[in-house]
C-alpha cells in the first residue's frame, strides 16, 4: 500500500515516546488529556482507533496547515549502515511477545525494548541487529522485502526499532498495521521502494535516504533507487506521532 494512501485508509492511534503514549499503561494519561480520544482499558494491541473522520482530518491537515513542518520532513536525509531482511518479516520477529510487558513510556524500559529489536529473526540471520549487551544498533536504516511488519498489531514493533536507533525502514511493501503504527508513533519513517532493494543491498552497506528526492543511494555499490513519496504522513512522523502532531497544530489541547 502506498504511503500516500495513508490519510484515507489508516486510522492511527498511537503517539511518540516523548508524549508517553506507547502502551496500555498510558491509556488513562491519554484519556485525561483529550476526552474525545476514546481508548479501552485492555491490552496494548486492542486500542480503539480514532473515528475515521477525525483521523483523516488530522493527517490531511498535515500538508495544508504546517508548510514548515512538511518542508522539514521532505528535506530530511538519513545516512548510515543498512540492515537487510527478507519478505514477510512479522512483528514477532521484530519484537517477540515476551517483551511486550516493557512499558515504552518508561525511559529505562524504552531503552531495554530497543535492545531486543529483531531478536526473533531466524538463526539464518547470523548478524545481530543489536549486539548482545548493547541497547543501540549500528544500523540506522532497515531494508526489507514484501509484507514487512505482518502479524499481530503490536505497536511495540516500530517502537522497538526506533528505540534501538533505527531512523527509517525501506521495504517493497508493508502490512497495513505496521505502516499505521510507524506513522502514529513517529518512531521510524516507513518508506516504500519501487524495486526489490533487499535483493541488491547487503547488511553493512553504507546508504543515504534523501526524502526530498525520494531516493536511496547505496554508496557501497554506487547504485541509486527510487522511493515512493511519504506523502501527508511525513509531517505527522516529523512531529513525533499523531498526538504530538495534533497538539502542535492545535487540534487537541497541548496541556
C-alpha atoms as a PDB file:
ATOM      1  CA  UNK A   1       0.000   0.000   0.000  1.00  0.00           C
ATOM      2  CA  UNK A   2       1.352   3.387  -0.975  1.00  0.00           C
ATOM      3  CA  UNK A   3       2.318   5.836   1.725  1.00  0.00           C
ATOM      4  CA  UNK A   4       0.191   8.476   0.063  1.00  0.00           C
ATOM      5  CA  UNK A   5      -2.920   6.374   0.738  1.00  0.00           C
ATOM      6  CA  UNK A   6      -2.403   6.746   4.460  1.00  0.00           C
ATOM      7  CA  UNK A   7      -4.749   9.653   5.009  1.00  0.00           C
ATOM      8  CA  UNK A   8      -7.830   7.809   3.802  1.00  0.00           C
ATOM      9  CA  UNK A   9      -7.129   4.195   4.692  1.00  0.00           C
ATOM     10  CA  UNK A  10      -5.357   4.270   8.053  1.00  0.00           C
ATOM     11  CA  UNK A  11      -6.652   5.398  11.428  1.00  0.00           C
ATOM     12  CA  UNK A  12      -3.532   5.996  13.560  1.00  0.00           C
ATOM     13  CA  UNK A  13      -3.956   5.842  17.302  1.00  0.00           C
ATOM     14  CA  UNK A  14      -0.562   5.913  18.953  1.00  0.00           C
ATOM     15  CA  UNK A  15       1.899   8.593  19.944  1.00  0.00           C
ATOM     16  CA  UNK A  16       5.617   9.100  20.326  1.00  0.00           C
ATOM     17  CA  UNK A  17       7.815   8.184  23.319  1.00  0.00           C
ATOM     18  CA  UNK A  18       8.187  11.848  24.189  1.00  0.00           C
ATOM     19  CA  UNK A  19       4.457  12.098  24.852  1.00  0.00           C
ATOM     20  CA  UNK A  20       4.421   8.925  26.946  1.00  0.00           C
ATOM     21  CA  UNK A  21       1.701   7.228  24.943  1.00  0.00           C
ATOM     22  CA  UNK A  22       3.147   3.883  23.961  1.00  0.00           C
ATOM     23  CA  UNK A  23       1.347   1.082  25.846  1.00  0.00           C
ATOM     24  CA  UNK A  24      -1.726   0.131  27.833  1.00  0.00           C
ATOM     25  CA  UNK A  25      -0.193   1.767  30.902  1.00  0.00           C
ATOM     26  CA  UNK A  26      -0.767   5.208  29.443  1.00  0.00           C
ATOM     27  CA  UNK A  27      -4.430   4.769  28.499  1.00  0.00           C
ATOM     28  CA  UNK A  28      -5.598   6.933  31.393  1.00  0.00           C
ATOM     29  CA  UNK A  29      -2.986   9.581  30.521  1.00  0.00           C
ATOM     30  CA  UNK A  30      -4.392   9.896  27.013  1.00  0.00           C
ATOM     31  CA  UNK A  31      -7.977   9.988  28.198  1.00  0.00           C
ATOM     32  CA  UNK A  32      -7.277  12.742  30.700  1.00  0.00           C
ATOM     33  CA  UNK A  33      -5.635  14.925  28.046  1.00  0.00           C
ATOM     34  CA  UNK A  34      -8.321  14.585  25.413  1.00  0.00           C
ATOM     35  CA  UNK A  35     -11.781  13.249  26.232  1.00  0.00           C
ATOM     36  CA  UNK A  36     -12.598  12.976  22.532  1.00  0.00           C
ATOM     37  CA  UNK A  37      -9.971  10.252  22.020  1.00  0.00           C
ATOM     38  CA  UNK A  38     -11.547   7.102  23.410  1.00  0.00           C
ATOM     39  CA  UNK A  39      -9.302   4.198  24.343  1.00  0.00           C
ATOM     40  CA  UNK A  40     -10.299   0.944  26.080  1.00  0.00           C
ATOM     41  CA  UNK A  41      -8.746  -0.437  29.243  1.00  0.00           C
ATOM     42  CA  UNK A  42      -7.387  -3.683  27.809  1.00  0.00           C
ATOM     43  CA  UNK A  43      -4.011  -4.779  26.388  1.00  0.00           C
ATOM     44  CA  UNK A  44      -1.664  -2.876  24.104  1.00  0.00           C
ATOM     45  CA  UNK A  45      -2.973  -4.434  20.896  1.00  0.00           C
ATOM     46  CA  UNK A  46      -6.673  -3.617  21.450  1.00  0.00           C
ATOM     47  CA  UNK A  47      -6.845   0.170  21.231  1.00  0.00           C
ATOM     48  CA  UNK A  48      -9.969   1.604  19.655  1.00  0.00           C
ATOM     49  CA  UNK A  49      -8.889   3.847  16.785  1.00  0.00           C
ATOM     50  CA  UNK A  50      -9.934   7.425  16.326  1.00  0.00           C
ATOM     51  CA  UNK A  51     -13.045   7.813  14.221  1.00  0.00           C
ATOM     52  CA  UNK A  52     -12.274   7.611  10.529  1.00  0.00           C
ATOM     53  CA  UNK A  53     -13.391  11.197  10.061  1.00  0.00           C
ATOM     54  CA  UNK A  54     -11.205  12.568  12.858  1.00  0.00           C
ATOM     55  CA  UNK A  55      -8.123  10.516  11.945  1.00  0.00           C
ATOM     56  CA  UNK A  56      -8.372  11.548   8.309  1.00  0.00           C
ATOM     57  CA  UNK A  57      -8.766  15.174   9.391  1.00  0.00           C
ATOM     58  CA  UNK A  58      -5.580  15.022  11.456  1.00  0.00           C
ATOM     59  CA  UNK A  59      -3.476  13.597   8.653  1.00  0.00           C
ATOM     60  CA  UNK A  60      -4.987  15.614   5.813  1.00  0.00           C
ATOM     61  CA  UNK A  61      -4.402  18.691   7.960  1.00  0.00           C
ATOM     62  CA  UNK A  62      -0.660  17.973   7.841  1.00  0.00           C
ATOM     63  CA  UNK A  63       0.108  19.248   4.370  1.00  0.00           C
ATOM     64  CA  UNK A  64      -2.219  22.239   4.467  1.00  0.00           C
ATOM     65  CA  UNK A  65      -1.626  23.740   7.909  1.00  0.00           C
ATOM     66  CA  UNK A  66       2.062  23.145   8.563  1.00  0.00           C
ATOM     67  CA  UNK A  67       4.125  24.013   5.471  1.00  0.00           C
ATOM     68  CA  UNK A  68       7.272  24.451   7.576  1.00  0.00           C
ATOM     69  CA  UNK A  69       6.843  21.000   9.109  1.00  0.00           C
ATOM     70  CA  UNK A  70       6.130  19.476   5.719  1.00  0.00           C
ATOM     71  CA  UNK A  71       9.241  21.062   4.244  1.00  0.00           C
ATOM     72  CA  UNK A  72      11.319  19.830   7.176  1.00  0.00           C
ATOM     73  CA  UNK A  73      10.091  16.279   6.641  1.00  0.00           C
ATOM     74  CA  UNK A  74      10.719  16.226   2.899  1.00  0.00           C
ATOM     75  CA  UNK A  75      14.184  17.749   3.241  1.00  0.00           C
ATOM     76  CA  UNK A  76      15.278  15.192   5.836  1.00  0.00           C
ATOM     77  CA  UNK A  77      18.124  12.843   4.939  1.00  0.00           C
ATOM     78  CA  UNK A  78      19.204   9.629   6.641  1.00  0.00           C
ATOM     79  CA  UNK A  79      22.710   8.244   6.322  1.00  0.00           C
ATOM     80  CA  UNK A  80      24.323   5.156   7.783  1.00  0.00           C
ATOM     81  CA  UNK A  81      24.693   1.398   7.639  1.00  0.00           C
ATOM     82  CA  UNK A  82      21.752  -0.692   6.487  1.00  0.00           C
ATOM     83  CA  UNK A  83      20.403  -3.941   7.903  1.00  0.00           C
ATOM     84  CA  UNK A  84      18.776  -6.159   5.275  1.00  0.00           C
ATOM     85  CA  UNK A  85      15.957  -8.638   5.861  1.00  0.00           C
ATOM     86  CA  UNK A  86      13.654 -10.543   3.508  1.00  0.00           C
ATOM     87  CA  UNK A  87       9.944 -10.983   2.889  1.00  0.00           C
ATOM     88  CA  UNK A  88       7.163 -11.435   5.446  1.00  0.00           C
ATOM     89  CA  UNK A  89       9.096 -10.196   8.466  1.00  0.00           C
ATOM     90  CA  UNK A  90       6.428 -10.339  11.131  1.00  0.00           C
ATOM     91  CA  UNK A  91       6.058  -8.367  14.334  1.00  0.00           C
ATOM     92  CA  UNK A  92       7.032 -11.355  16.467  1.00  0.00           C
ATOM     93  CA  UNK A  93      10.382 -11.410  14.671  1.00  0.00           C
ATOM     94  CA  UNK A  94      10.755  -7.672  15.190  1.00  0.00           C
ATOM     95  CA  UNK A  95       9.902  -7.853  18.902  1.00  0.00           C
ATOM     96  CA  UNK A  96       8.771 -11.181  20.437  1.00  0.00           C
ATOM     97  CA  UNK A  97       5.628 -11.184  22.574  1.00  0.00           C
ATOM     98  CA  UNK A  98       7.574 -11.942  25.762  1.00  0.00           C
ATOM     99  CA  UNK A  99       8.951  -8.386  25.717  1.00  0.00           C
ATOM    100  CA  UNK A 100       5.592  -6.639  25.345  1.00  0.00           C
ATOM    101  CA  UNK A 101       5.414  -6.196  29.114  1.00  0.00           C
ATOM    102  CA  UNK A 102       8.058  -3.466  28.770  1.00  0.00           C
ATOM    103  CA  UNK A 103       6.477  -0.021  29.038  1.00  0.00           C
ATOM    104  CA  UNK A 104       7.857   2.363  26.390  1.00  0.00           C
ATOM    105  CA  UNK A 105       6.813   5.455  28.367  1.00  0.00           C
ATOM    106  CA  UNK A 106       9.370   4.409  30.986  1.00  0.00           C
ATOM    107  CA  UNK A 107      12.771   5.616  29.669  1.00  0.00           C
ATOM    108  CA  UNK A 108      14.683   2.642  31.079  1.00  0.00           C
ATOM    109  CA  UNK A 109      12.213   0.137  29.631  1.00  0.00           C
ATOM    110  CA  UNK A 110      12.083   2.015  26.319  1.00  0.00           C
ATOM    111  CA  UNK A 111      15.854   1.609  26.063  1.00  0.00           C
ATOM    112  CA  UNK A 112      15.609  -2.049  27.004  1.00  0.00           C
ATOM    113  CA  UNK A 113      12.922  -2.599  24.389  1.00  0.00           C
ATOM    114  CA  UNK A 114      15.356  -1.361  21.756  1.00  0.00           C
ATOM    115  CA  UNK A 115      17.947  -3.910  22.847  1.00  0.00           C
ATOM    116  CA  UNK A 116      15.552  -6.716  21.836  1.00  0.00           C
ATOM    117  CA  UNK A 117      14.755  -5.399  18.342  1.00  0.00           C
ATOM    118  CA  UNK A 118      14.860  -8.204  15.764  1.00  0.00           C
ATOM    119  CA  UNK A 119      15.844 -10.877  18.300  1.00  0.00           C
ATOM    120  CA  UNK A 120      13.030 -13.015  16.887  1.00  0.00           C
ATOM    121  CA  UNK A 121      14.661 -13.387  13.480  1.00  0.00           C
ATOM    122  CA  UNK A 122      15.567 -16.943  12.379  1.00  0.00           C
ATOM    123  CA  UNK A 123      19.059 -18.280  13.056  1.00  0.00           C
ATOM    124  CA  UNK A 124      19.838 -17.807   9.362  1.00  0.00           C
ATOM    125  CA  UNK A 125      20.333 -14.116  10.190  1.00  0.00           C
ATOM    126  CA  UNK A 126      23.797 -14.506  11.638  1.00  0.00           C
ATOM    127  CA  UNK A 127      24.382 -10.770  12.112  1.00  0.00           C
ATOM    128  CA  UNK A 128      22.558  -9.331  15.093  1.00  0.00           C
ATOM    129  CA  UNK A 129      20.700  -6.051  14.659  1.00  0.00           C
ATOM    130  CA  UNK A 130      21.711  -5.086  18.200  1.00  0.00           C
ATOM    131  CA  UNK A 131      24.806  -6.729  19.623  1.00  0.00           C
ATOM    132  CA  UNK A 132      24.408  -8.646  22.918  1.00  0.00           C
ATOM    133  CA  UNK A 133      24.859  -6.344  25.877  1.00  0.00           C
ATOM    134  CA  UNK A 134      24.132  -3.243  23.782  1.00  0.00           C
ATOM    135  CA  UNK A 135      20.955  -1.164  23.638  1.00  0.00           C
ATOM    136  CA  UNK A 136      21.579   0.624  20.335  1.00  0.00           C
ATOM    137  CA  UNK A 137      22.139  -0.698  16.832  1.00  0.00           C
ATOM    138  CA  UNK A 138      24.821   0.445  14.424  1.00  0.00           C
ATOM    139  CA  UNK A 139      22.314   0.024  11.570  1.00  0.00           C
ATOM    140  CA  UNK A 140      20.237   3.174  11.227  1.00  0.00           C
ATOM    141  CA  UNK A 141      18.328   2.023   8.141  1.00  0.00           C
ATOM    142  CA  UNK A 142      16.404  -1.244   7.756  1.00  0.00           C
ATOM    143  CA  UNK A 143      15.801  -2.622   4.265  1.00  0.00           C
ATOM    144  CA  UNK A 144      13.115  -5.248   3.838  1.00  0.00           C
ATOM    145  CA  UNK A 145      11.121  -7.075   1.201  1.00  0.00           C
ATOM    146  CA  UNK A 146       7.409  -7.684   0.733  1.00  0.00           C
ATOM    147  CA  UNK A 147       4.804  -7.514   3.531  1.00  0.00           C
ATOM    148  CA  UNK A 148       7.128  -6.072   6.183  1.00  0.00           C
ATOM    149  CA  UNK A 149       5.590  -5.915   9.660  1.00  0.00           C
ATOM    150  CA  UNK A 150       2.886  -8.522   9.144  1.00  0.00           C
ATOM    151  CA  UNK A 151       1.408 -10.460  12.059  1.00  0.00           C
ATOM    152  CA  UNK A 152      -0.067  -9.017  15.235  1.00  0.00           C
ATOM    153  CA  UNK A 153      -0.948  -5.369  15.661  1.00  0.00           C
ATOM    154  CA  UNK A 154       1.566  -4.627  18.411  1.00  0.00           C
ATOM    155  CA  UNK A 155       2.679  -1.006  18.274  1.00  0.00           C
ATOM    156  CA  UNK A 156       5.851  -2.131  20.060  1.00  0.00           C
ATOM    157  CA  UNK A 157       7.296  -3.243  16.693  1.00  0.00           C
ATOM    158  CA  UNK A 158       8.110   0.207  15.265  1.00  0.00           C
ATOM    159  CA  UNK A 159       8.788   1.453  18.807  1.00  0.00           C
ATOM    160  CA  UNK A 160      11.476  -1.204  19.323  1.00  0.00           C
ATOM    161  CA  UNK A 161      13.161  -0.269  16.042  1.00  0.00           C
ATOM    162  CA  UNK A 162      13.106   3.410  16.954  1.00  0.00           C
ATOM    163  CA  UNK A 163      14.347   2.731  20.473  1.00  0.00           C
ATOM    164  CA  UNK A 164      17.266   0.785  19.008  1.00  0.00           C
ATOM    165  CA  UNK A 165      18.234   3.786  16.885  1.00  0.00           C
ATOM    166  CA  UNK A 166      16.709   2.944  13.505  1.00  0.00           C
ATOM    167  CA  UNK A 167      15.505   6.011  11.634  1.00  0.00           C
ATOM    168  CA  UNK A 168      13.795   4.528   8.606  1.00  0.00           C
ATOM    169  CA  UNK A 169      12.605   1.280   7.079  1.00  0.00           C
ATOM    170  CA  UNK A 170      12.620   0.826   3.310  1.00  0.00           C
ATOM    171  CA  UNK A 171      10.519  -2.113   2.150  1.00  0.00           C
ATOM    172  CA  UNK A 172       8.852  -3.308  -1.014  1.00  0.00           C
ATOM    173  CA  UNK A 173       5.507  -3.257   0.800  1.00  0.00           C
ATOM    174  CA  UNK A 174       4.124  -3.151   4.343  1.00  0.00           C
ATOM    175  CA  UNK A 175       1.473  -4.817   6.388  1.00  0.00           C
ATOM    176  CA  UNK A 176      -1.118  -2.103   6.935  1.00  0.00           C
ATOM    177  CA  UNK A 177      -0.890  -2.180  10.734  1.00  0.00           C
ATOM    178  CA  UNK A 178       2.887  -1.716  10.828  1.00  0.00           C
ATOM    179  CA  UNK A 179       2.745   1.267   8.469  1.00  0.00           C
ATOM    180  CA  UNK A 180      -0.055   2.813  10.531  1.00  0.00           C
ATOM    181  CA  UNK A 181       1.749   2.281  13.826  1.00  0.00           C
ATOM    182  CA  UNK A 182       5.001   3.680  12.422  1.00  0.00           C
ATOM    183  CA  UNK A 183       3.294   6.911  11.435  1.00  0.00           C
ATOM    184  CA  UNK A 184       1.185   7.133  14.573  1.00  0.00           C
ATOM    185  CA  UNK A 185       4.118   6.637  16.943  1.00  0.00           C
ATOM    186  CA  UNK A 186       6.517   8.764  14.902  1.00  0.00           C
ATOM    187  CA  UNK A 187       9.289   6.243  15.569  1.00  0.00           C
ATOM    188  CA  UNK A 188      10.534   5.389  12.071  1.00  0.00           C
ATOM    189  CA  UNK A 189       9.804   6.505   8.527  1.00  0.00           C
ATOM    190  CA  UNK A 190       8.166   3.574   6.648  1.00  0.00           C
ATOM    191  CA  UNK A 191       9.298   4.154   3.072  1.00  0.00           C
ATOM    192  CA  UNK A 192       8.385   2.049   0.053  1.00  0.00           C
ATOM    193  CA  UNK A 193      10.779   1.122  -2.730  1.00  0.00           C
ATOM    194  CA  UNK A 194       9.787   0.704  -6.344  1.00  0.00           C
ATOM    195  CA  UNK A 195      12.029  -2.348  -6.809  1.00  0.00           C
ATOM    196  CA  UNK A 196      13.308  -5.147  -4.582  1.00  0.00           C
ATOM    197  CA  UNK A 197      16.184  -3.264  -2.994  1.00  0.00           C
ATOM    198  CA  UNK A 198      16.536  -6.070  -0.434  1.00  0.00           C
ATOM    199  CA  UNK A 199      17.988  -8.288  -3.173  1.00  0.00           C
ATOM    200  CA  UNK A 200      20.631  -5.758  -4.197  1.00  0.00           C
ATOM    201  CA  UNK A 201      21.783  -4.403  -0.824  1.00  0.00           C
ATOM    202  CA  UNK A 202      23.712  -6.251   1.860  1.00  0.00           C
ATOM    203  CA  UNK A 203      23.805  -5.758   5.604  1.00  0.00           C
ATOM    204  CA  UNK A 204      26.583  -3.298   6.337  1.00  0.00           C
ATOM    205  CA  UNK A 205      26.291  -1.324   3.084  1.00  0.00           C
ATOM    206  CA  UNK A 206      26.519   2.443   3.535  1.00  0.00           C
ATOM    207  CA  UNK A 207      23.349   4.116   2.309  1.00  0.00           C
ATOM    208  CA  UNK A 208      21.708   7.524   2.215  1.00  0.00           C
ATOM    209  CA  UNK A 209      17.994   8.251   2.009  1.00  0.00           C
ATOM    210  CA  UNK A 210      17.028  11.628   0.555  1.00  0.00           C
ATOM    211  CA  UNK A 211      13.355  12.220   1.291  1.00  0.00           C
ATOM    212  CA  UNK A 212      13.194  15.360  -0.817  1.00  0.00           C
ATOM    213  CA  UNK A 213      14.431  13.442  -3.854  1.00  0.00           C
ATOM    214  CA  UNK A 214      12.569  10.241  -2.962  1.00  0.00           C
ATOM    215  CA  UNK A 215      15.636   8.121  -3.453  1.00  0.00           C
ATOM    216  CA  UNK A 216      18.033   5.764  -1.711  1.00  0.00           C
ATOM    217  CA  UNK A 217      21.719   5.799  -2.603  1.00  0.00           C
ATOM    218  CA  UNK A 218      23.856   2.745  -1.872  1.00  0.00           C
ATOM    219  CA  UNK A 219      27.360   4.159  -1.610  1.00  0.00           C
ATOM    220  CA  UNK A 220      28.851   0.674  -1.300  1.00  0.00           C
ATOM    221  CA  UNK A 221      27.601  -0.346  -4.752  1.00  0.00           C
ATOM    222  CA  UNK A 222      27.148   3.047  -6.403  1.00  0.00           C
ATOM    223  CA  UNK A 223      23.502   2.325  -7.231  1.00  0.00           C
ATOM    224  CA  UNK A 224      20.506   4.604  -6.698  1.00  0.00           C
ATOM    225  CA  UNK A 225      16.899   3.559  -6.178  1.00  0.00           C
ATOM    226  CA  UNK A 226      13.608   5.415  -6.483  1.00  0.00           C
ATOM    227  CA  UNK A 227      11.365   5.527  -3.428  1.00  0.00           C
ATOM    228  CA  UNK A 228       7.667   6.295  -3.290  1.00  0.00           C
ATOM    229  CA  UNK A 229       6.799   9.655  -1.665  1.00  0.00           C
ATOM    230  CA  UNK A 230       5.860   9.506   2.026  1.00  0.00           C
ATOM    231  CA  UNK A 231       3.052  11.986   1.333  1.00  0.00           C
ATOM    232  CA  UNK A 232       0.879  13.513   4.055  1.00  0.00           C
ATOM    233  CA  UNK A 233       2.211  11.051   6.620  1.00  0.00           C
ATOM    234  CA  UNK A 234       5.583  12.845   6.600  1.00  0.00           C
ATOM    235  CA  UNK A 235       4.653  15.837   8.792  1.00  0.00           C
ATOM    236  CA  UNK A 236       2.944  13.547  11.311  1.00  0.00           C
ATOM    237  CA  UNK A 237       6.102  11.446  11.711  1.00  0.00           C
ATOM    238  CA  UNK A 238       8.252  14.578  11.811  1.00  0.00           C
ATOM    239  CA  UNK A 239       6.145  15.958  14.679  1.00  0.00           C
ATOM    240  CA  UNK A 240       6.704  12.790  16.701  1.00  0.00           C
ATOM    241  CA  UNK A 241       3.450  10.948  16.066  1.00  0.00           C
ATOM    242  CA  UNK A 242      -0.266  11.529  15.705  1.00  0.00           C
ATOM    243  CA  UNK A 243      -0.919  13.020  19.151  1.00  0.00           C
ATOM    244  CA  UNK A 244       2.169  15.233  19.070  1.00  0.00           C
ATOM    245  CA  UNK A 245       1.139  16.473  15.640  1.00  0.00           C
ATOM    246  CA  UNK A 246      -2.443  17.128  16.741  1.00  0.00           C
ATOM    247  CA  UNK A 247      -1.227  19.086  19.752  1.00  0.00           C
ATOM    248  CA  UNK A 248       1.318  21.082  17.745  1.00  0.00           C
ATOM    249  CA  UNK A 249      -1.366  22.175  15.306  1.00  0.00           C
ATOM    250  CA  UNK A 250      -3.960  22.968  17.984  1.00  0.00           C
ATOM    251  CA  UNK A 251      -6.304  20.141  17.070  1.00  0.00           C
ATOM    252  CA  UNK A 252      -6.244  18.910  20.669  1.00  0.00           C
ATOM    253  CA  UNK A 253      -5.189  20.800  23.827  1.00  0.00           C
ATOM    254  CA  UNK A 254      -1.442  20.986  24.460  1.00  0.00           C
ATOM    255  CA  UNK A 255      -1.830  20.688  28.222  1.00  0.00           C
END
